[in-house]
Protein backbone atom coordinates (compact mmCIF):
# COMPACT_ATOMS: atom_id res chain seq x y z
CA MET A 1 78.41 141.42 66.37
CA ASP A 2 74.61 141.69 65.90
CA LYS A 3 72.06 140.86 68.56
CA LYS A 4 71.11 137.55 66.96
CA ASN A 5 74.67 136.24 67.11
CA ILE A 6 75.05 137.42 70.69
CA GLN A 7 71.95 135.48 71.72
CA GLN A 8 73.09 132.35 69.90
CA ALA A 9 76.61 132.25 71.34
CA THR A 10 77.05 129.12 73.44
CA LEU A 11 79.58 127.86 75.94
CA LYS A 12 80.86 125.51 73.24
CA ASP A 13 81.43 128.49 70.91
CA VAL A 14 83.48 130.24 73.61
CA ALA A 15 85.54 127.09 74.28
CA ASN A 16 86.25 126.58 70.56
CA LEU A 17 87.33 130.19 70.05
CA ALA A 18 89.55 130.12 73.15
CA LYS A 19 90.90 126.69 72.13
CA VAL A 20 90.10 125.13 75.50
CA SER A 21 87.75 122.38 76.70
CA ILE A 22 84.13 123.14 77.54
CA PRO A 23 84.70 122.30 81.26
CA THR A 24 87.62 124.77 81.37
CA ALA A 25 85.53 127.51 79.74
CA SER A 26 82.72 126.79 82.19
CA LEU A 27 85.05 127.01 85.20
CA VAL A 28 86.38 130.39 84.03
CA LEU A 29 82.98 131.89 83.27
CA SER A 30 81.47 130.65 86.53
CA GLY A 31 84.37 132.06 88.53
CA LYS A 32 85.07 128.63 90.03
CA GLY A 33 88.10 126.36 90.01
CA HIS A 34 91.80 127.02 89.53
CA VAL A 35 92.67 128.00 85.97
CA ALA A 36 95.94 129.45 84.70
CA LYS A 37 95.88 133.22 84.22
CA LYS A 38 96.68 133.01 80.49
CA THR A 39 93.89 130.47 79.93
CA ARG A 40 91.43 132.57 81.93
CA GLU A 41 92.27 135.64 79.83
CA GLN A 42 91.79 133.64 76.60
CA VAL A 43 88.36 132.45 77.67
CA GLU A 44 87.25 135.89 78.87
CA ALA A 45 88.43 137.47 75.62
CA ALA A 46 86.56 134.85 73.58
CA ALA A 47 83.40 135.44 75.64
CA ARG A 48 83.62 139.20 75.03
CA THR A 49 84.20 138.67 71.30
CA LEU A 50 81.16 136.42 71.00
CA GLY A 51 79.09 138.51 73.36
CA TYR A 52 78.54 135.49 75.57
CA GLU A 53 77.29 136.15 79.09
CA ARG A 54 75.75 133.92 81.68
CA THR A 55 72.35 135.20 82.69
CA ILE A 56 71.57 136.04 86.31
CA LEU A 57 69.35 132.95 86.51
CA GLN A 58 72.17 130.72 85.20
CA LYS A 59 74.60 132.09 87.75
CA LYS A 60 72.08 131.64 90.56
CA ALA A 61 71.37 128.04 89.53
CA ILE A 62 75.09 127.20 89.54
CA GLN A 63 75.56 128.84 92.93
CA GLU A 64 72.66 126.84 94.37
CA GLN A 65 74.12 123.64 92.97
CA LEU A 66 77.34 124.15 94.92
CA LEU A 67 75.75 124.72 98.30
CA SER A 68 76.08 121.22 99.72
CA ILE A 69 78.72 118.51 99.18
CA GLY A 70 78.51 115.14 100.95
CA LEU A 71 81.44 112.93 101.95
CA LEU A 72 80.31 109.30 101.98
CA PHE A 73 82.28 107.27 104.51
CA ASN A 74 81.68 103.56 105.12
CA ILE A 75 82.04 103.10 108.87
CA SER A 76 82.25 99.32 108.42
CA HIS A 77 85.53 99.78 106.54
CA ALA A 78 87.06 102.32 108.89
CA GLU A 79 90.19 100.32 109.66
CA ASP A 80 92.56 102.04 112.05
CA TYR A 81 95.40 102.05 109.52
CA ASN A 82 93.36 104.25 107.17
CA LEU A 83 91.88 106.68 109.67
CA LYS A 84 94.82 109.11 109.51
CA ASN A 85 94.31 109.52 105.77
CA PHE A 86 90.58 110.02 106.34
CA ARG A 87 91.10 112.71 108.97
CA GLN A 88 93.56 114.61 106.79
CA PHE A 89 91.41 114.28 103.68
CA LEU A 90 88.33 115.37 105.64
CA LYS A 91 90.09 118.46 107.01
CA GLU A 92 91.48 119.52 103.61
CA THR A 93 88.26 118.78 101.73
CA GLU A 94 86.17 120.82 104.15
CA LYS A 95 88.64 123.68 103.73
CA LYS A 96 88.46 123.51 99.91
CA VAL A 97 84.65 123.36 99.87
CA SER A 98 84.39 126.32 102.25
CA ALA A 99 86.75 128.31 100.02
CA LYS A 100 84.24 127.77 97.19
CA LYS A 101 81.45 129.01 99.50
CA GLY A 102 79.91 125.57 99.74
CA SER A 103 78.79 123.52 102.72
CA PHE A 104 80.09 120.09 103.67
CA LEU A 105 78.39 117.12 105.31
CA ILE A 106 79.60 113.63 106.26
CA ILE A 107 77.23 110.83 105.23
CA PRO A 108 77.94 107.64 107.22
CA HIS A 109 77.11 104.33 105.56
CA SER A 110 77.40 100.67 106.53
CA GLU A 111 76.22 97.26 105.37
CA LYS A 112 73.47 97.50 108.00
CA VAL A 113 71.96 100.51 106.23
CA SER A 114 70.11 99.96 102.96
CA ASP A 115 71.23 101.79 99.82
CA ASP A 116 67.80 103.41 99.52
CA LYS A 117 68.01 104.78 103.06
CA THR A 118 71.42 106.30 102.34
CA ILE A 119 70.12 107.85 99.11
CA ASN A 120 67.07 109.27 100.92
CA THR A 121 69.40 110.83 103.49
CA ILE A 122 71.41 112.43 100.69
CA ILE A 123 68.31 113.77 98.93
CA LYS A 124 66.69 115.09 102.13
CA ALA A 125 69.90 116.93 102.99
CA ARG A 126 69.71 118.55 99.51
CA ILE A 127 73.24 117.39 98.74
CA LYS A 128 74.26 118.16 95.16
CA GLY A 129 77.44 116.08 94.85
CA ILE A 130 79.01 113.10 96.62
CA LEU A 131 82.64 112.29 97.41
CA SER A 132 83.38 108.74 98.52
CA PHE A 133 86.47 108.13 100.61
CA ALA A 134 88.15 104.79 99.78
CA TYR A 135 84.75 103.08 99.57
CA PHE A 136 83.28 101.52 96.44
CA ASN A 137 79.71 100.31 95.95
CA LYS A 138 78.74 100.15 92.30
CA GLN A 139 75.04 99.61 92.96
CA LEU A 140 74.78 102.46 95.46
CA PHE A 141 76.81 104.90 93.36
CA THR A 142 74.77 104.08 90.25
CA LYS A 143 71.54 104.84 92.12
CA ILE A 144 72.98 108.12 93.42
CA GLU A 145 73.94 109.21 89.91
CA GLN A 146 70.53 108.17 88.62
CA ALA A 147 69.18 110.74 91.10
CA ASN A 148 71.26 113.29 89.15
CA ILE A 149 73.87 113.58 91.91
CA PRO A 150 77.43 113.14 90.59
CA VAL A 151 79.83 110.85 92.47
CA VAL A 152 83.61 111.20 92.64
CA VAL A 153 85.54 108.38 94.31
CA PHE A 154 88.81 109.03 96.11
CA ASN A 155 91.38 106.28 96.70
CA ASN A 156 89.64 103.15 95.48
CA GLN A 157 90.82 101.75 92.18
CA GLN A 158 87.83 99.41 91.90
CA SER A 159 85.92 102.46 90.66
CA HIS A 160 88.40 102.97 87.82
CA ASN A 161 86.64 103.30 84.44
CA ILE A 162 83.23 103.12 86.13
CA PHE A 163 82.98 106.40 88.05
CA ILE A 164 85.06 109.57 88.14
CA SER A 165 87.98 108.64 90.36
CA VAL A 166 91.07 110.07 92.02
CA VAL A 167 93.53 107.34 92.98
CA LEU A 168 97.02 107.01 94.39
CA ASP A 169 99.70 105.80 92.01
CA ASP A 170 100.58 102.79 94.18
CA PHE A 171 102.76 101.22 91.49
CA GLN A 172 104.92 104.32 91.05
CA ALA A 173 105.22 105.02 94.78
CA THR A 174 106.53 101.54 95.60
CA TYR A 175 108.78 101.64 92.54
CA GLU A 176 110.30 104.87 93.89
CA ALA A 177 110.68 103.37 97.37
CA THR A 178 112.59 100.37 96.03
CA ARG A 179 114.72 102.58 93.79
CA TYR A 180 115.60 104.67 96.85
CA LEU A 181 117.01 101.58 98.60
CA ILE A 182 118.84 100.44 95.47
CA ASN A 183 120.50 103.85 95.20
CA LEU A 184 121.67 103.44 98.79
CA GLY A 185 123.48 100.27 97.73
CA HIS A 186 120.98 97.61 98.80
CA ARG A 187 120.61 94.53 96.61
CA ASN A 188 119.00 91.94 98.90
CA ILE A 189 115.68 93.66 99.47
CA LEU A 190 112.79 91.97 101.23
CA TYR A 191 109.18 92.80 100.41
CA ALA A 192 106.73 92.63 103.36
CA TYR A 193 102.99 92.51 102.70
CA THR A 194 99.65 91.54 104.20
CA ASN A 195 96.08 91.07 103.03
CA ARG A 196 93.71 94.03 102.93
CA PRO A 197 90.39 92.33 101.95
CA ASN A 198 88.58 95.59 101.23
CA ILE A 199 91.28 96.84 98.86
CA PRO A 200 92.59 93.72 97.06
CA TYR A 201 94.30 95.68 94.25
CA LEU A 202 96.63 97.34 96.77
CA LYS A 203 98.85 94.32 97.36
CA HIS A 204 99.31 93.66 93.66
CA ASN A 205 99.94 97.22 92.45
CA ARG A 206 102.55 97.92 95.11
CA PHE A 207 104.29 94.58 94.65
CA PHE A 208 104.53 95.07 90.87
CA GLY A 209 106.13 98.48 91.45
CA HIS A 210 108.74 96.84 93.68
CA GLN A 211 109.36 94.11 91.12
CA LYS A 212 109.78 96.64 88.28
CA ALA A 213 112.45 98.58 90.20
CA LEU A 214 114.42 95.37 90.81
CA GLU A 215 114.14 94.41 87.15
CA GLU A 216 115.44 97.78 85.93
CA ALA A 217 118.42 97.49 88.29
CA ASN A 218 119.17 93.96 87.00
CA ILE A 219 118.48 92.47 90.42
CA PRO A 220 116.87 89.03 90.05
CA PHE A 221 113.62 88.64 91.92
CA ASN A 222 113.80 85.93 94.58
CA ASP A 223 110.62 84.32 95.94
CA ASN A 224 112.43 83.86 99.24
CA MET A 225 112.53 87.64 99.60
CA LEU A 226 108.83 87.80 100.44
CA LEU A 227 107.51 88.11 103.99
CA PHE A 228 103.83 87.78 104.89
CA TYR A 229 102.97 89.92 107.90
CA SER A 230 100.03 89.17 110.17
CA THR A 231 99.19 90.58 113.58
CA GLU A 232 97.10 87.46 114.22
CA THR A 233 100.16 85.23 113.81
CA ILE A 234 102.84 87.70 114.88
CA ASP A 235 105.04 84.93 116.32
CA GLU A 236 105.09 83.22 112.91
CA THR A 237 105.94 86.55 111.27
CA ALA A 238 108.79 87.08 113.76
CA SER A 239 110.09 83.55 113.21
CA ALA A 240 110.04 83.98 109.41
CA LEU A 241 111.86 87.33 109.61
CA LEU A 242 114.55 86.04 111.98
CA SER A 243 115.03 82.98 109.79
CA LEU A 244 115.59 85.17 106.71
CA LEU A 245 118.14 87.27 108.62
CA CYS A 246 120.15 84.11 109.36
CA LYS A 247 120.46 83.16 105.71
CA LYS A 248 123.18 84.20 103.27
CA PRO A 249 122.90 86.50 101.54
CA LYS A 250 120.60 88.00 104.14
CA PRO A 251 118.25 90.91 103.40
CA THR A 252 119.65 94.33 104.25
CA ALA A 253 116.44 96.26 103.67
CA VAL A 254 112.67 95.83 103.56
CA VAL A 255 110.04 97.54 101.42
CA CYS A 256 106.77 97.39 103.37
CA LEU A 257 103.25 97.52 101.99
CA ASP A 258 102.54 100.24 104.57
CA ASP A 259 104.15 101.75 107.64
CA ASP A 260 101.84 99.83 109.96
CA ILE A 261 103.78 96.73 108.85
CA ALA A 262 107.08 98.58 109.12
CA SER A 263 106.28 99.54 112.71
CA GLY A 264 105.57 95.90 113.54
CA LEU A 265 108.83 94.74 112.01
CA GLU A 266 110.73 97.43 113.90
CA PHE A 267 109.21 96.11 117.13
CA ILE A 268 110.20 92.51 116.32
CA LEU A 269 113.78 93.54 115.58
CA ARG A 270 114.04 95.60 118.75
CA LYS A 271 112.59 92.75 120.82
CA HIS A 272 115.36 90.46 119.56
CA GLY A 273 118.22 92.88 120.17
CA MET A 274 118.46 94.31 116.68
CA GLY A 275 117.87 97.80 115.37
CA VAL A 276 116.76 99.90 112.42
CA PRO A 277 118.60 100.80 110.25
CA LYS A 278 121.75 99.19 111.71
CA ASP A 279 120.58 95.64 111.07
CA LEU A 280 117.81 96.29 108.58
CA SER A 281 116.67 99.36 106.66
CA LEU A 282 112.92 99.95 106.44
CA ILE A 283 110.89 101.98 103.94
CA ALA A 284 107.12 101.97 103.66
CA HIS A 285 104.17 103.21 101.70
CA GLY A 286 101.38 105.26 103.26
CA ASP A 287 102.65 107.50 106.07
CA LEU A 288 99.64 106.37 108.11
CA LEU A 289 101.22 106.39 111.58
CA ASP A 290 101.11 109.42 113.84
CA TYR A 291 104.68 110.68 113.60
CA SER A 292 103.95 113.50 116.03
CA LEU A 293 104.08 110.92 118.84
CA ILE A 294 107.51 110.31 120.37
CA GLN A 295 106.92 106.55 120.61
CA THR A 296 106.28 106.17 116.88
CA PRO A 297 109.36 104.75 115.13
CA ARG A 298 110.89 107.13 112.57
CA ILE A 299 110.13 105.32 109.31
CA THR A 300 110.99 106.67 105.88
CA THR A 301 107.78 106.67 103.84
CA MET A 302 106.10 107.56 100.57
CA ARG A 303 103.43 110.11 101.51
CA LEU A 304 100.31 111.52 99.89
CA ASP A 305 99.83 115.27 100.09
CA PRO A 306 96.25 115.50 101.46
CA SER A 307 95.86 119.09 100.28
CA THR A 308 96.61 118.12 96.68
CA ALA A 309 94.29 115.11 96.90
CA ALA A 310 91.43 117.22 98.25
CA GLN A 311 91.96 119.96 95.67
CA VAL A 312 91.92 117.58 92.70
CA THR A 313 88.89 115.69 94.00
CA ILE A 314 86.86 118.81 94.78
CA ASP A 315 87.74 120.44 91.44
CA LEU A 316 86.50 117.34 89.59
CA LEU A 317 83.22 117.31 91.50
CA PHE A 318 82.65 121.05 91.12
CA ALA A 319 83.35 120.78 87.38
CA CYS A 320 80.60 118.15 87.17
CA LEU A 321 78.19 120.44 88.99
CA VAL A 322 79.05 123.52 86.93
CA ASN A 323 78.89 122.04 83.44
CA GLY A 324 76.86 118.86 83.92
CA GLU A 325 79.42 116.69 82.14
CA ARG A 326 79.71 113.20 83.63
CA SER A 327 82.37 111.66 81.41
CA ILE A 328 84.31 108.96 83.26
CA LYS A 329 87.93 109.78 84.01
CA THR A 330 90.63 108.68 86.41
CA ILE A 331 93.37 110.90 87.79
CA LYS A 332 96.39 109.37 89.52
CA ILE A 333 98.17 111.32 92.25
CA GLN A 334 101.84 110.69 92.92
CA GLU A 335 103.30 110.48 96.40
CA HIS A 336 106.61 111.90 97.57
CA LEU A 337 109.42 110.59 99.76
CA ILE A 338 109.64 111.58 103.43
CA GLU A 339 113.10 110.72 104.76
CA ARG A 340 113.37 109.90 108.42
CA SER A 341 115.99 107.63 109.99
CA SER A 342 115.08 104.09 109.00
CA CYS A 343 117.36 103.68 105.97
CA ARG A 344 121.14 103.69 105.63
CA SER A 345 123.70 103.36 102.86
CA ILE A 346 125.72 100.16 102.60
């Protein structure tokens, strides 16, 4: 190939020849990200054929871009039930960023702090990319991106189709939880839920997954098989649960919105001389309790792998920084079943 063609070869040319996307070609040629060996070899071969090479200045600019990643965490929304996920995500994300030779900073935010002040903090810290944990603020995120700092949101579906997002597949996880009980022989399955004002979609997505599993198993949905759980009116919750257990046919199992609810129901049952799973099987979404503690009830849950979540989120953000592409996309992460001792066959 002559010198003119070598100089004119672009990243797009390499991607087209290798039959991969431009972001994939960029990840390979920058030495960043996790790309299959065969794909990497295809891209490298295409680059050699076209005579494409990143200049020293290009490589240096990319390296400088990846020096500092910020994790935006809204301290006003730091409910206890979500702190375990935050700690695990924080630990894994810091590990993934360090592996890419980047630095990692936590950026606290609250309603008492103006958006402009938060943005100034980000700019002064020379942060090149922002991850937001569970928090969504369209106005703030738009301003951050207008400052040429990409934002990737983890675990908040309100950002879906607006910003690059990584979300949990709440529908599928609760569908799998209900299917698990059905396969154990349960037919009268209660659904326990509560209100999470900061994440309104949660209640609906998980309930619809439960409903779909019942429908596929030809189990009619019964409005009486719903239990609203509230720590503020725990006596009313206990009364409603005990009343349901006196009816025929009585529920033999409960799918809980999260294991915080499941723990509360386990306490109510124990307080009234009943046990799990002897009198009622429990399964929950979230795996948010600290199961390393002996006093924590052993609840079967659907759990997110924090390492996978961190890897996907960091890879998306680093791809933005490497190739500059800001196309909106949403990736859903599935959760997997953790069997403990709260469910039994009937």
